Amino acid sequence: MQEEIKKLQYVIEEVLSEDKRARNSDKWLLIQVLRRMGFKIYVDYNDLDQMPCFESIGRIRRKIQNEQGKYLPEDEVKKGRKENEKEMKEINVWY
């Protein structure tokens, strides 16, 4: 996982260094990073500002699941998330 994080960080820094718009918009940054990683992503330029923030979607999902205890993931997914969280703490990426 540490190699994946380093690769992702490299791609993000590369996009940020080359694309001023990516410095100003997380949505645009996400699209450009995914494209740079080989994913085929198309978003109509005019619709970009209308799209919800991807981070907000994840945060709201976590709030619903963690605080309200609703719509919980399957046990296998929960276990995987816990393992990822532990690994992230060990490599001290976000914590």
PDB file of N, CA and C in Angstrom:
ATOM      1  N   MET A   1       0.823  -1.199   0.000  1.00  0.00           N
ATOM      2  CA  MET A   1       0.000   0.000   0.000  1.00  0.00           C
ATOM      3  C   MET A   1       0.863   1.258   0.000  1.00  0.00           C
ATOM      4  N   GLN A   2       1.994   1.222   0.669  1.00  0.00           N
ATOM      5  CA  GLN A   2       2.854   2.396   0.737  1.00  0.00           C
ATOM      6  C   GLN A   2       3.317   2.814  -0.665  1.00  0.00           C
ATOM      7  N   GLU A   3       3.607   1.844  -1.523  1.00  0.00           N
ATOM      8  CA  GLU A   3       4.013   2.162  -2.892  1.00  0.00           C
ATOM      9  C   GLU A   3       2.868   2.803  -3.668  1.00  0.00           C
ATOM     10  N   GLU A   4       1.639   2.317  -3.439  1.00  0.00           N
ATOM     11  CA  GLU A   4       0.475   2.902  -4.109  1.00  0.00           C
ATOM     12  C   GLU A   4       0.286   4.357  -3.699  1.00  0.00           C
ATOM     13  N   ILE A   5       0.471   4.634  -2.410  1.00  0.00           N
ATOM     14  CA  ILE A   5       0.329   6.004  -1.904  1.00  0.00           C
ATOM     15  C   ILE A   5       1.404   6.898  -2.516  1.00  0.00           C
ATOM     16  N   LYS A   6       2.632   6.410  -2.568  1.00  0.00           N
ATOM     17  CA  LYS A   6       3.714   7.206  -3.157  1.00  0.00           C
ATOM     18  C   LYS A   6       3.448   7.487  -4.638  1.00  0.00           C
ATOM     19  N   LYS A   7       2.954   6.477  -5.358  1.00  0.00           N
ATOM     20  CA  LYS A   7       2.641   6.657  -6.776  1.00  0.00           C
ATOM     21  C   LYS A   7       1.535   7.703  -6.934  1.00  0.00           C
ATOM     22  N   LEU A   8       0.504   7.604  -6.110  1.00  0.00           N
ATOM     23  CA  LEU A   8      -0.604   8.551  -6.166  1.00  0.00           C
ATOM     24  C   LEU A   8      -0.121   9.958  -5.840  1.00  0.00           C
ATOM     25  N   GLN A   9       0.713  10.084  -4.842  1.00  0.00           N
ATOM     26  CA  GLN A   9       1.247  11.394  -4.473  1.00  0.00           C
ATOM     27  C   GLN A   9       2.052  11.978  -5.635  1.00  0.00           C
ATOM     28  N   TYR A  10       2.848  11.140  -6.290  1.00  0.00           N
ATOM     29  CA  TYR A  10       3.631  11.599  -7.441  1.00  0.00           C
ATOM     30  C   TYR A  10       2.714  12.124  -8.543  1.00  0.00           C
ATOM     31  N   VAL A  11       1.670  11.372  -8.864  1.00  0.00           N
ATOM     32  CA  VAL A  11       0.738  11.770  -9.919  1.00  0.00           C
ATOM     33  C   VAL A  11       0.044  13.078  -9.542  1.00  0.00           C
ATOM     34  N   ILE A  12      -0.395  13.196  -8.301  1.00  0.00           N
ATOM     35  CA  ILE A  12      -1.081  14.409  -7.847  1.00  0.00           C
ATOM     36  C   ILE A  12      -0.156  15.616  -7.954  1.00  0.00           C
ATOM     37  N   GLU A  13       1.085  15.452  -7.496  1.00  0.00           N
ATOM     38  CA  GLU A  13       2.039  16.557  -7.578  1.00  0.00           C
ATOM     39  C   GLU A  13       2.328  16.933  -9.022  1.00  0.00           C
ATOM     40  N   GLU A  14       2.405  15.954  -9.877  1.00  0.00           N
ATOM     41  CA  GLU A  14       2.646  16.203 -11.295  1.00  0.00           C
ATOM     42  C   GLU A  14       1.497  17.016 -11.901  1.00  0.00           C
ATOM     43  N   VAL A  15       0.269  16.606 -11.611  1.00  0.00           N
ATOM     44  CA  VAL A  15      -0.894  17.327 -12.130  1.00  0.00           C
ATOM     45  C   VAL A  15      -0.925  18.740 -11.572  1.00  0.00           C
ATOM     46  N   LEU A  16      -0.709  18.885 -10.272  1.00  0.00           N
ATOM     47  CA  LEU A  16      -0.734  20.207  -9.652  1.00  0.00           C
ATOM     48  C   LEU A  16       0.325  21.134 -10.242  1.00  0.00           C
ATOM     49  N   SER A  17       1.483  20.577 -10.564  1.00  0.00           N
ATOM     50  CA  SER A  17       2.559  21.412 -11.096  1.00  0.00           C
ATOM     51  C   SER A  17       2.268  21.878 -12.520  1.00  0.00           C
ATOM     52  N   GLU A  18       1.462  21.120 -13.246  1.00  0.00           N
ATOM     53  CA  GLU A  18       1.215  21.420 -14.656  1.00  0.00           C
ATOM     54  C   GLU A  18      -0.128  22.094 -14.929  1.00  0.00           C
ATOM     55  N   ASP A  19      -1.062  22.012 -14.005  1.00  0.00           N
ATOM     56  CA  ASP A  19      -2.433  22.427 -14.297  1.00  0.00           C
ATOM     57  C   ASP A  19      -2.944  23.382 -13.216  1.00  0.00           C
ATOM     58  N   LYS A  20      -2.971  24.660 -13.546  1.00  0.00           N
ATOM     59  CA  LYS A  20      -3.410  25.666 -12.581  1.00  0.00           C
ATOM     60  C   LYS A  20      -4.842  25.417 -12.111  1.00  0.00           C
ATOM     61  N   ARG A  21      -5.690  24.982 -13.022  1.00  0.00           N
ATOM     62  CA  ARG A  21      -7.082  24.735 -12.648  1.00  0.00           C
ATOM     63  C   ARG A  21      -7.173  23.634 -11.582  1.00  0.00           C
ATOM     64  N   ALA A  22      -6.298  22.644 -11.655  1.00  0.00           N
ATOM     65  CA  ALA A  22      -6.300  21.564 -10.671  1.00  0.00           C
ATOM     66  C   ALA A  22      -5.926  22.070  -9.284  1.00  0.00           C
ATOM     67  N   ARG A  23      -5.171  23.156  -9.227  1.00  0.00           N
ATOM     68  CA  ARG A  23      -4.802  23.751  -7.932  1.00  0.00           C
ATOM     69  C   ARG A  23      -5.991  24.432  -7.277  1.00  0.00           C
ATOM     70  N   ASN A  24      -6.971  24.793  -8.093  1.00  0.00           N
ATOM     71  CA  ASN A  24      -8.120  25.543  -7.596  1.00  0.00           C
ATOM     72  C   ASN A  24      -9.380  24.711  -7.434  1.00  0.00           C
ATOM     73  N   SER A  25      -9.401  23.496  -7.975  1.00  0.00           N
ATOM     74  CA  SER A  25     -10.622  22.696  -7.960  1.00  0.00           C
ATOM     75  C   SER A  25     -10.293  21.228  -7.686  1.00  0.00           C
ATOM     76  N   ASP A  26     -10.742  20.731  -6.554  1.00  0.00           N
ATOM     77  CA  ASP A  26     -10.531  19.314  -6.237  1.00  0.00           C
ATOM     78  C   ASP A  26     -11.235  18.414  -7.239  1.00  0.00           C
ATOM     79  N   LYS A  27     -12.374  18.867  -7.748  1.00  0.00           N
ATOM     80  CA  LYS A  27     -13.097  18.069  -8.741  1.00  0.00           C
ATOM     81  C   LYS A  27     -12.245  17.909  -9.998  1.00  0.00           C
ATOM     82  N   TRP A  28     -11.686  19.012 -10.477  1.00  0.00           N
ATOM     83  CA  TRP A  28     -10.845  18.967 -11.669  1.00  0.00           C
ATOM     84  C   TRP A  28      -9.585  18.151 -11.391  1.00  0.00           C
ATOM     85  N   LEU A  29      -9.014  18.314 -10.212  1.00  0.00           N
ATOM     86  CA  LEU A  29      -7.829  17.548  -9.834  1.00  0.00           C
ATOM     87  C   LEU A  29      -8.123  16.055  -9.882  1.00  0.00           C
ATOM     88  N   LEU A  30      -9.239  15.647  -9.316  1.00  0.00           N
ATOM     89  CA  LEU A  30      -9.614  14.232  -9.315  1.00  0.00           C
ATOM     90  C   LEU A  30      -9.729  13.694 -10.734  1.00  0.00           C
ATOM     91  N   ILE A  31     -10.401  14.425 -11.584  1.00  0.00           N
ATOM     92  CA  ILE A  31     -10.574  13.982 -12.966  1.00  0.00           C
ATOM     93  C   ILE A  31      -9.227  13.868 -13.670  1.00  0.00           C
ATOM     94  N   GLN A  32      -8.372  14.855 -13.483  1.00  0.00           N
ATOM     95  CA  GLN A  32      -7.072  14.831 -14.154  1.00  0.00           C
ATOM     96  C   GLN A  32      -6.172  13.716 -13.617  1.00  0.00           C
ATOM     97  N   VAL A  33      -6.221  13.461 -12.317  1.00  0.00           N
ATOM     98  CA  VAL A  33      -5.431  12.367 -11.737  1.00  0.00           C
ATOM     99  C   VAL A  33      -5.910  11.034 -12.299  1.00  0.00           C
ATOM    100  N   LEU A  34      -7.215  10.829 -12.333  1.00  0.00           N
ATOM    101  CA  LEU A  34      -7.755   9.579 -12.877  1.00  0.00           C
ATOM    102  C   LEU A  34      -7.371   9.405 -14.343  1.00  0.00           C
ATOM    103  N   ARG A  35      -7.457  10.471 -15.110  1.00  0.00           N
ATOM    104  CA  ARG A  35      -7.051  10.401 -16.516  1.00  0.00           C
ATOM    105  C   ARG A  35      -5.572  10.054 -16.642  1.00  0.00           C
ATOM    106  N   ARG A  36      -4.762  10.701 -15.840  1.00  0.00           N
ATOM    107  CA  ARG A  36      -3.309  10.459 -15.884  1.00  0.00           C
ATOM    108  C   ARG A  36      -2.987   9.016 -15.521  1.00  0.00           C
ATOM    109  N   MET A  37      -3.842   8.418 -14.701  1.00  0.00           N
ATOM    110  CA  MET A  37      -3.623   7.028 -14.289  1.00  0.00           C
ATOM    111  C   MET A  37      -4.226   6.042 -15.289  1.00  0.00           C
ATOM    112  N   GLY A  38      -4.780   6.547 -16.388  1.00  0.00           N
ATOM    113  CA  GLY A  38      -5.257   5.683 -17.451  1.00  0.00           C
ATOM    114  C   GLY A  38      -6.746   5.407 -17.470  1.00  0.00           C
ATOM    115  N   PHE A  39      -7.494   6.030 -16.577  1.00  0.00           N
ATOM    116  CA  PHE A  39      -8.943   5.834 -16.566  1.00  0.00           C
ATOM    117  C   PHE A  39      -9.583   6.736 -17.610  1.00  0.00           C
ATOM    118  N   LYS A  40     -10.618   6.246 -18.235  1.00  0.00           N
ATOM    119  CA  LYS A  40     -11.349   7.020 -19.235  1.00  0.00           C
ATOM    120  C   LYS A  40     -12.477   7.764 -18.520  1.00  0.00           C
ATOM    121  N   ILE A  41     -12.270   9.037 -18.314  1.00  0.00           N
ATOM    122  CA  ILE A  41     -13.219   9.862 -17.580  1.00  0.00           C
ATOM    123  C   ILE A  41     -13.680  10.988 -18.498  1.00  0.00           C
ATOM    124  N   TYR A  42     -14.988  11.142 -18.600  1.00  0.00           N
ATOM    125  CA  TYR A  42     -15.525  12.265 -19.353  1.00  0.00           C
ATOM    126  C   TYR A  42     -16.555  12.982 -18.489  1.00  0.00           C
ATOM    127  N   VAL A  43     -16.359  14.252 -18.325  1.00  0.00           N
ATOM    128  CA  VAL A  43     -17.328  15.088 -17.635  1.00  0.00           C
ATOM    129  C   VAL A  43     -17.500  16.331 -18.492  1.00  0.00           C
ATOM    130  N   ASP A  44     -18.720  16.648 -18.811  1.00  0.00           N
ATOM    131  CA  ASP A  44     -18.983  17.861 -19.571  1.00  0.00           C
ATOM    132  C   ASP A  44     -18.478  19.055 -18.765  1.00  0.00           C
ATOM    133  N   TYR A  45     -17.661  19.844 -19.385  1.00  0.00           N
ATOM    134  CA  TYR A  45     -17.055  20.996 -18.733  1.00  0.00           C
ATOM    135  C   TYR A  45     -18.099  21.873 -18.052  1.00  0.00           C
ATOM    136  N   ASN A  46     -19.238  22.040 -18.681  1.00  0.00           N
ATOM    137  CA  ASN A  46     -20.293  22.891 -18.124  1.00  0.00           C
ATOM    138  C   ASN A  46     -20.966  22.279 -16.900  1.00  0.00           C
ATOM    139  N   ASP A  47     -20.867  20.969 -16.747  1.00  0.00           N
ATOM    140  CA  ASP A  47     -21.504  20.290 -15.613  1.00  0.00           C
ATOM    141  C   ASP A  47     -20.599  20.192 -14.384  1.00  0.00           C
ATOM    142  N   LEU A  48     -19.324  20.443 -14.557  1.00  0.00           N
ATOM    143  CA  LEU A  48     -18.364  20.236 -13.473  1.00  0.00           C
ATOM    144  C   LEU A  48     -18.736  20.996 -12.206  1.00  0.00           C
ATOM    145  N   ASP A  49     -19.096  22.256 -12.347  1.00  0.00           N
ATOM    146  CA  ASP A  49     -19.423  23.061 -11.166  1.00  0.00           C
ATOM    147  C   ASP A  49     -20.713  22.617 -10.486  1.00  0.00           C
ATOM    148  N   GLN A  50     -21.560  21.892 -11.200  1.00  0.00           N
ATOM    149  CA  GLN A  50     -22.820  21.423 -10.637  1.00  0.00           C
ATOM    150  C   GLN A  50     -22.657  20.097  -9.882  1.00  0.00           C
ATOM    151  N   MET A  51     -21.541  19.406 -10.133  1.00  0.00           N
ATOM    152  CA  MET A  51     -21.316  18.102  -9.501  1.00  0.00           C
ATOM    153  C   MET A  51     -21.045  18.273  -8.013  1.00  0.00           C
ATOM    154  N   PRO A  52     -21.498  17.324  -7.190  1.00  0.00           N
ATOM    155  CA  PRO A  52     -21.156  17.391  -5.765  1.00  0.00           C
ATOM    156  C   PRO A  52     -19.676  17.079  -5.583  1.00  0.00           C
ATOM    157  N   CYS A  53     -19.119  17.576  -4.532  1.00  0.00           N
ATOM    158  CA  CYS A  53     -17.725  17.301  -4.194  1.00  0.00           C
ATOM    159  C   CYS A  53     -17.610  15.831  -3.789  1.00  0.00           C
ATOM    160  N   PHE A  54     -16.644  15.135  -4.367  1.00  0.00           N
ATOM    161  CA  PHE A  54     -16.494  13.708  -4.078  1.00  0.00           C
ATOM    162  C   PHE A  54     -16.164  13.467  -2.607  1.00  0.00           C
ATOM    163  N   GLU A  55     -15.388  14.338  -2.022  1.00  0.00           N
ATOM    164  CA  GLU A  55     -15.046  14.195  -0.610  1.00  0.00           C
ATOM    165  C   GLU A  55     -16.294  14.344   0.264  1.00  0.00           C
ATOM    166  N   SER A  56     -17.188  15.241  -0.128  1.00  0.00           N
ATOM    167  CA  SER A  56     -18.432  15.421   0.631  1.00  0.00           C
ATOM    168  C   SER A  56     -19.271  14.152   0.605  1.00  0.00           C
ATOM    169  N   ILE A  57     -19.312  13.496  -0.531  1.00  0.00           N
ATOM    170  CA  ILE A  57     -20.064  12.245  -0.634  1.00  0.00           C
ATOM    171  C   ILE A  57     -19.513  11.217   0.345  1.00  0.00           C
ATOM    172  N   GLY A  58     -18.202  11.069   0.374  1.00  0.00           N
ATOM    173  CA  GLY A  58     -17.578  10.114   1.298  1.00  0.00           C
ATOM    174  C   GLY A  58     -17.806  10.488   2.753  1.00  0.00           C
ATOM    175  N   ARG A  59     -17.686  11.767   3.057  1.00  0.00           N
ATOM    176  CA  ARG A  59     -17.890  12.208   4.445  1.00  0.00           C
ATOM    177  C   ARG A  59     -19.328  11.955   4.904  1.00  0.00           C
ATOM    178  N   ILE A  60     -20.276  12.269   4.040  1.00  0.00           N
ATOM    179  CA  ILE A  60     -21.675  12.059   4.402  1.00  0.00           C
ATOM    180  C   ILE A  60     -21.968  10.572   4.557  1.00  0.00           C
ATOM    181  N   ARG A  61     -21.387   9.745   3.665  1.00  0.00           N
ATOM    182  CA  ARG A  61     -21.558   8.296   3.811  1.00  0.00           C
ATOM    183  C   ARG A  61     -21.010   7.827   5.158  1.00  0.00           C
ATOM    184  N   ARG A  62     -19.827   8.303   5.528  1.00  0.00           N
ATOM    185  CA  ARG A  62     -19.240   7.907   6.820  1.00  0.00           C
ATOM    186  C   ARG A  62     -20.126   8.364   7.978  1.00  0.00           C
ATOM    187  N   LYS A  63     -20.653   9.563   7.884  1.00  0.00           N
ATOM    188  CA  LYS A  63     -21.517  10.084   8.954  1.00  0.00           C
ATOM    189  C   LYS A  63     -22.764   9.212   9.106  1.00  0.00           C
ATOM    190  N   ILE A  64     -23.395   8.890   8.002  1.00  0.00           N
ATOM    191  CA  ILE A  64     -24.600   8.057   8.050  1.00  0.00           C
ATOM    192  C   ILE A  64     -24.272   6.692   8.652  1.00  0.00           C
ATOM    193  N   GLN A  65     -23.173   6.096   8.226  1.00  0.00           N
ATOM    194  CA  GLN A  65     -22.833   4.755   8.701  1.00  0.00           C
ATOM    195  C   GLN A  65     -22.307   4.771  10.133  1.00  0.00           C
ATOM    196  N   ASN A  66     -21.418   5.717  10.455  1.00  0.00           N
ATOM    197  CA  ASN A  66     -20.777   5.712  11.769  1.00  0.00           C
ATOM    198  C   ASN A  66     -21.641   6.306  12.869  1.00  0.00           C
ATOM    199  N   GLU A  67     -22.279   7.428  12.587  1.00  0.00           N
ATOM    200  CA  GLU A  67     -23.050   8.105  13.624  1.00  0.00           C
ATOM    201  C   GLU A  67     -24.472   7.575  13.742  1.00  0.00           C
ATOM    202  N   GLN A  68     -25.071   7.237  12.620  1.00  0.00           N
ATOM    203  CA  GLN A  68     -26.450   6.788  12.638  1.00  0.00           C
ATOM    204  C   GLN A  68     -26.561   5.270  12.627  1.00  0.00           C
ATOM    205  N   GLY A  69     -25.478   4.600  12.283  1.00  0.00           N
ATOM    206  CA  GLY A  69     -25.491   3.144  12.247  1.00  0.00           C
ATOM    207  C   GLY A  69     -26.376   2.563  11.153  1.00  0.00           C
ATOM    208  N   LYS A  70     -26.637   3.350  10.115  1.00  0.00           N
ATOM    209  CA  LYS A  70     -27.511   2.900   9.027  1.00  0.00           C
ATOM    210  C   LYS A  70     -26.687   2.454   7.825  1.00  0.00           C
ATOM    211  N   TYR A  71     -27.265   1.560   7.053  1.00  0.00           N
ATOM    212  CA  TYR A  71     -26.727   1.151   5.759  1.00  0.00           C
ATOM    213  C   TYR A  71     -25.244   0.765   5.836  1.00  0.00           C
ATOM    214  N   LEU A  72     -24.947  -0.071   6.793  1.00  0.00           N
ATOM    215  CA  LEU A  72     -23.560  -0.453   7.040  1.00  0.00           C
ATOM    216  C   LEU A  72     -23.018  -1.351   5.932  1.00  0.00           C
ATOM    217  N   PRO A  73     -21.715  -1.281   5.700  1.00  0.00           N
ATOM    218  CA  PRO A  73     -21.106  -2.138   4.681  1.00  0.00           C
ATOM    219  C   PRO A  73     -21.053  -3.579   5.173  1.00  0.00           C
ATOM    220  N   GLU A  74     -20.793  -4.470   4.246  1.00  0.00           N
ATOM    221  CA  GLU A  74     -20.639  -5.874   4.608  1.00  0.00           C
ATOM    222  C   GLU A  74     -19.414  -6.038   5.501  1.00  0.00           C
ATOM    223  N   ASP A  75     -19.388  -7.103   6.283  1.00  0.00           N
ATOM    224  CA  ASP A  75     -18.302  -7.331   7.225  1.00  0.00           C
ATOM    225  C   ASP A  75     -16.936  -7.343   6.539  1.00  0.00           C
ATOM    226  N   GLU A  76     -16.866  -7.917   5.357  1.00  0.00           N
ATOM    227  CA  GLU A  76     -15.597  -7.985   4.629  1.00  0.00           C
ATOM    228  C   GLU A  76     -15.081  -6.577   4.288  1.00  0.00           C
ATOM    229  N   VAL A  77     -15.991  -5.696   3.918  1.00  0.00           N
ATOM    230  CA  VAL A  77     -15.610  -4.325   3.593  1.00  0.00           C
ATOM    231  C   VAL A  77     -15.169  -3.596   4.859  1.00  0.00           C
ATOM    232  N   LYS A  78     -15.905  -3.784   5.954  1.00  0.00           N
ATOM    233  CA  LYS A  78     -15.525  -3.162   7.225  1.00  0.00           C
ATOM    234  C   LYS A  78     -14.123  -3.584   7.635  1.00  0.00           C
ATOM    235  N   LYS A  79     -13.858  -4.879   7.502  1.00  0.00           N
ATOM    236  CA  LYS A  79     -12.542  -5.412   7.866  1.00  0.00           C
ATOM    237  C   LYS A  79     -11.456  -4.776   6.989  1.00  0.00           C
ATOM    238  N   GLY A  80     -11.717  -4.670   5.699  1.00  0.00           N
ATOM    239  CA  GLY A  80     -10.759  -4.066   4.789  1.00  0.00           C
ATOM    240  C   GLY A  80     -10.491  -2.608   5.114  1.00  0.00           C
ATOM    241  N   ARG A  81     -11.542  -1.890   5.473  1.00  0.00           N
ATOM    242  CA  ARG A  81     -11.378  -0.477   5.838  1.00  0.00           C
ATOM    243  C   ARG A  81     -10.537  -0.338   7.098  1.00  0.00           C
ATOM    244  N   LYS A  82     -10.778  -1.199   8.069  1.00  0.00           N
ATOM    245  CA  LYS A  82      -9.990  -1.162   9.308  1.00  0.00           C
ATOM    246  C   LYS A  82      -8.524  -1.435   9.019  1.00  0.00           C
ATOM    247  N   GLU A  83      -8.266  -2.421   8.162  1.00  0.00           N
ATOM    248  CA  GLU A  83      -6.881  -2.758   7.807  1.00  0.00           C
ATOM    249  C   GLU A  83      -6.218  -1.584   7.082  1.00  0.00           C
ATOM    250  N   ASN A  84      -6.951  -0.959   6.174  1.00  0.00           N
ATOM    251  CA  ASN A  84      -6.407   0.197   5.460  1.00  0.00           C
ATOM    252  C   ASN A  84      -6.110   1.349   6.413  1.00  0.00           C
ATOM    253  N   GLU A  85      -7.020   1.573   7.363  1.00  0.00           N
ATOM    254  CA  GLU A  85      -6.825   2.638   8.339  1.00  0.00           C
ATOM    255  C   GLU A  85      -5.571   2.373   9.174  1.00  0.00           C
ATOM    256  N   LYS A  86      -5.414   1.136   9.609  1.00  0.00           N
ATOM    257  CA  LYS A  86      -4.244   0.768  10.404  1.00  0.00           C
ATOM    258  C   LYS A  86      -2.959   0.964   9.597  1.00  0.00           C
ATOM    259  N   GLU A  87      -2.981   0.543   8.349  1.00  0.00           N
ATOM    260  CA  GLU A  87      -1.810   0.668   7.496  1.00  0.00           C
ATOM    261  C   GLU A  87      -1.474   2.140   7.240  1.00  0.00           C
ATOM    262  N   MET A  88      -2.492   2.956   7.042  1.00  0.00           N
ATOM    263  CA  MET A  88      -2.263   4.387   6.827  1.00  0.00           C
ATOM    264  C   MET A  88      -1.635   5.026   8.061  1.00  0.00           C
ATOM    265  N   LYS A  89      -2.095   4.628   9.232  1.00  0.00           N
ATOM    266  CA  LYS A  89      -1.516   5.161  10.464  1.00  0.00           C
ATOM    267  C   LYS A  89      -0.051   4.752  10.593  1.00  0.00           C
ATOM    268  N   GLU A  90       0.251   3.521  10.187  1.00  0.00           N
ATOM    269  CA  GLU A  90       1.623   3.030  10.271  1.00  0.00           C
ATOM    270  C   GLU A  90       2.563   3.793   9.343  1.00  0.00           C
ATOM    271  N   ILE A  91       2.092   4.141   8.156  1.00  0.00           N
ATOM    272  CA  ILE A  91       2.955   4.888   7.243  1.00  0.00           C
ATOM    273  C   ILE A  91       2.773   6.394   7.412  1.00  0.00           C
ATOM    274  N   ASN A  92       1.903   6.757   8.353  1.00  0.00           N
ATOM    275  CA  ASN A  92       1.711   8.152   8.760  1.00  0.00           C
ATOM    276  C   ASN A  92       1.401   9.068   7.593  1.00  0.00           C
ATOM    277  N   VAL A  93       0.439   8.676   6.789  1.00  0.00           N
ATOM    278  CA  VAL A  93       0.081   9.480   5.625  1.00  0.00           C
ATOM    279  C   VAL A  93      -0.837  10.622   6.020  1.00  0.00           C
ATOM    280  N   TRP A  94      -1.924  10.319   6.687  1.00  0.00           N
ATOM    281  CA  TRP A  94      -2.917  11.354   6.992  1.00  0.00           C
ATOM    282  C   TRP A  94      -3.113  11.573   8.483  1.00  0.00           C
ATOM    283  N   TYR A  95      -2.479  10.815   9.296  1.00  0.00           N
ATOM    284  CA  TYR A  95      -2.749  10.911  10.734  1.00  0.00           C
ATOM    285  C   TYR A  95      -1.573  11.523  11.460  1.00  0.00           C
TER     286      TYR A  95
END
